[in-house]
Amino acid sequence: MFDKTTENKNKIFELYPENQELVLLDKLSHEFQNFRRGFRGKLDHTYVLSPAASDMFPVTIHNGKPIMGVPEQLFEIFLDIRWYVVNILEGMNSLYLTFEIGVAPKKHPASLRVYKRKLLTEAVSRYKRMGFVRINNRGEALGFDALNYFEKPIAVKKYIDWEY
């Protein structure tokens, strides 16, 4: 017997089977802090990854460019998502991977918040673009060709504008 949540989720995926943004959110949903009891704050369009889940996405500076590793299991989904930018809020310790979710006329921006140390986010904010590379379960990059790598722009902001 399915519970109500599973039933609702199945209806959503039947309506929008091509929506990779929903697939990503479903795969990571057990790691979202804002769905846990005791989470303070009201974020409608920002999905806050736990610090442990954020470690699945290592960030380093490689050949003069910030690179985020994406696990093999999620990389194909990342390729198909309608990404906007990597947002960095001044003075904060997170990267906000901002994408478009929904279908017209109700599409809107949403964001996946990935915790990183403040020193690292300040270093990344100095660049204009960030690369995303497929990594294996040992954290090793699997190549920088078109099948294993893509880039998105970086934007530094003062506040979360996609929540309004």
Protein backbone atom coordinates (compact mmCIF):
# COMPACT_ATOMS: atom_id res chain seq x y z
CA MET A 1 0.00 0.00 0.00
CA PHE A 2 1.37 3.43 -0.97
CA ASP A 3 1.24 6.34 1.40
CA LYS A 4 -0.22 9.74 0.39
CA THR A 5 3.21 11.31 -0.25
CA THR A 6 4.23 8.55 -2.66
CA GLU A 7 0.88 8.78 -4.42
CA ASN A 8 1.20 12.57 -4.87
CA LYS A 9 4.80 12.24 -6.05
CA ASN A 10 3.80 9.65 -8.65
CA LYS A 11 1.08 11.99 -9.99
CA ILE A 12 3.60 14.81 -10.37
CA PHE A 13 6.05 12.60 -12.27
CA GLU A 14 3.24 11.35 -14.53
CA LEU A 15 2.33 14.95 -15.38
CA TYR A 16 5.91 16.11 -15.95
CA PRO A 17 8.07 13.06 -16.80
CA GLU A 18 10.69 15.18 -18.62
CA ASN A 19 11.22 17.54 -15.71
CA GLN A 20 14.74 16.74 -14.53
CA GLU A 21 14.54 19.41 -11.84
CA LEU A 22 11.89 17.35 -10.04
CA VAL A 23 13.98 14.21 -10.46
CA LEU A 24 16.97 15.93 -8.82
CA LEU A 25 14.86 17.24 -5.95
CA ASP A 26 13.39 13.78 -5.44
CA LYS A 27 16.84 12.13 -5.38
CA LEU A 28 18.14 14.62 -2.80
CA SER A 29 14.92 15.18 -0.81
CA HIS A 30 16.00 13.04 2.15
CA GLU A 31 18.94 15.43 2.62
CA PHE A 32 17.01 18.72 2.67
CA GLN A 33 17.23 20.54 5.99
CA ASN A 34 14.15 22.68 5.41
CA PHE A 35 11.95 19.56 5.48
CA ARG A 36 13.18 18.60 8.95
CA ARG A 37 11.53 19.44 12.22
CA GLY A 38 13.11 22.42 13.93
CA PHE A 39 14.28 24.17 10.73
CA ARG A 40 13.96 27.92 11.27
CA GLY A 41 13.16 30.13 8.36
CA LYS A 42 10.73 30.10 5.49
CA LEU A 43 12.22 29.24 2.15
CA ASP A 44 9.72 28.35 -0.56
CA HIS A 45 12.12 28.02 -3.48
CA THR A 46 15.46 27.20 -1.84
CA TYR A 47 16.30 23.61 -0.97
CA VAL A 48 18.94 23.54 1.78
CA LEU A 49 21.25 20.53 1.66
CA SER A 50 22.60 19.21 4.94
CA PRO A 51 26.32 19.77 5.53
CA ALA A 52 26.95 16.04 5.02
CA ALA A 53 25.09 16.03 1.69
CA SER A 54 26.95 19.19 0.64
CA ASP A 55 30.17 17.22 0.93
CA MET A 56 28.99 15.11 -2.03
CA PHE A 57 29.77 18.20 -4.14
CA PRO A 58 33.45 19.05 -3.57
CA VAL A 59 34.72 22.40 -4.85
CA THR A 60 38.30 23.17 -5.80
CA ILE A 61 40.20 25.64 -7.96
CA HIS A 62 41.62 23.75 -10.94
CA ASN A 63 43.65 25.41 -13.72
CA GLY A 64 42.56 28.87 -12.55
CA LYS A 65 38.84 28.06 -12.45
CA PRO A 66 36.48 26.90 -9.68
CA ILE A 67 35.24 23.36 -10.30
CA MET A 68 32.42 21.52 -8.48
CA GLY A 69 32.44 17.74 -8.54
CA VAL A 70 29.07 16.08 -9.20
CA PRO A 71 28.65 12.38 -8.36
CA GLU A 72 28.22 10.07 -11.36
CA GLN A 73 24.73 9.10 -10.20
CA LEU A 74 23.55 12.72 -10.44
CA PHE A 75 25.63 14.11 -13.29
CA GLU A 76 23.25 13.14 -16.15
CA ILE A 77 20.41 14.86 -14.27
CA PHE A 78 22.62 17.95 -13.75
CA LEU A 79 23.27 18.09 -17.51
CA ASP A 80 19.54 18.27 -18.29
CA ILE A 81 18.53 20.84 -15.69
CA ARG A 82 17.64 24.36 -16.83
CA TRP A 83 20.38 26.12 -14.85
CA TYR A 84 20.57 29.89 -14.45
CA VAL A 85 23.67 30.72 -12.42
CA VAL A 86 25.69 29.86 -9.34
CA ASN A 87 24.67 32.53 -6.84
CA ILE A 88 26.87 33.56 -3.94
CA LEU A 89 25.47 35.81 -1.23
CA GLU A 90 27.97 38.28 0.16
CA GLY A 91 29.30 37.16 3.54
CA MET A 92 27.53 33.77 3.45
CA ASN A 93 29.00 30.28 3.55
CA SER A 94 27.04 28.67 0.72
CA LEU A 95 26.75 28.30 -3.03
CA TYR A 96 23.24 28.55 -4.45
CA LEU A 97 22.83 26.51 -7.62
CA THR A 98 19.89 28.34 -9.20
CA PHE A 99 17.69 26.73 -11.84
CA GLU A 100 14.29 27.06 -13.47
CA ILE A 101 11.52 24.77 -12.25
CA GLY A 102 7.96 24.22 -13.42
CA VAL A 103 6.27 24.73 -16.74
CA ALA A 104 4.79 27.85 -18.29
CA PRO A 105 2.98 29.86 -17.07
CA LYS A 106 4.04 28.80 -13.56
CA LYS A 107 7.78 28.36 -14.06
CA HIS A 108 10.03 30.17 -11.60
CA PRO A 109 13.59 30.11 -10.26
CA ALA A 110 14.54 27.77 -7.44
CA SER A 111 17.85 27.03 -5.80
CA LEU A 112 19.83 24.19 -4.28
CA ARG A 113 21.88 25.53 -1.34
CA VAL A 114 25.23 23.76 -0.95
CA TYR A 115 27.15 24.54 2.26
CA LYS A 116 30.80 25.49 1.78
CA ARG A 117 33.26 27.24 4.04
CA LYS A 118 33.12 31.04 3.89
CA LEU A 119 36.75 31.26 2.78
CA LEU A 120 35.98 28.99 -0.18
CA THR A 121 32.86 30.90 -1.21
CA GLU A 122 34.82 34.16 -1.08
CA ALA A 123 37.50 32.63 -3.31
CA VAL A 124 34.89 31.33 -5.80
CA SER A 125 33.15 34.73 -5.88
CA ARG A 126 36.23 36.25 -7.57
CA TYR A 127 35.55 34.23 -10.75
CA LYS A 128 32.99 34.73 -13.51
CA ARG A 129 32.24 31.05 -14.29
CA MET A 130 32.18 27.73 -12.46
CA GLY A 131 32.76 24.31 -13.98
CA PHE A 132 30.88 21.14 -13.07
CA VAL A 133 32.65 17.83 -13.59
CA ARG A 134 31.50 14.22 -13.24
CA ILE A 135 33.30 12.45 -10.37
CA ASN A 136 33.45 8.82 -9.30
CA ASN A 137 32.82 7.52 -5.77
CA ARG A 138 36.44 8.32 -4.82
CA GLY A 139 35.99 11.97 -5.83
CA GLU A 140 38.18 11.70 -8.94
CA ALA A 141 37.20 13.67 -12.05
CA LEU A 142 36.27 11.47 -15.01
CA GLY A 143 37.40 13.92 -17.66
CA PHE A 144 36.85 17.43 -18.90
CA ASP A 145 35.20 16.62 -22.23
CA ALA A 146 31.63 17.62 -23.21
CA LEU A 147 30.15 14.43 -21.71
CA ASN A 148 31.75 14.98 -18.30
CA TYR A 149 32.00 18.76 -17.91
CA PHE A 150 29.95 21.95 -18.31
CA GLU A 151 30.14 25.55 -17.04
CA LYS A 152 27.69 28.08 -15.64
CA PRO A 153 28.13 31.77 -14.74
CA ILE A 154 28.66 32.99 -11.18
CA ALA A 155 26.67 35.92 -9.72
CA VAL A 156 27.40 37.63 -6.40
CA LYS A 157 24.30 39.07 -4.72
CA LYS A 158 23.32 40.82 -1.52
CA TYR A 159 20.08 38.89 -0.94
CA ILE A 160 18.07 35.89 -2.19
CA ASP A 161 16.08 37.44 -5.05
CA TRP A 162 14.60 34.16 -6.36
CA GLU A 163 12.46 33.81 -3.23
CA TYR A 164 10.36 36.88 -4.14
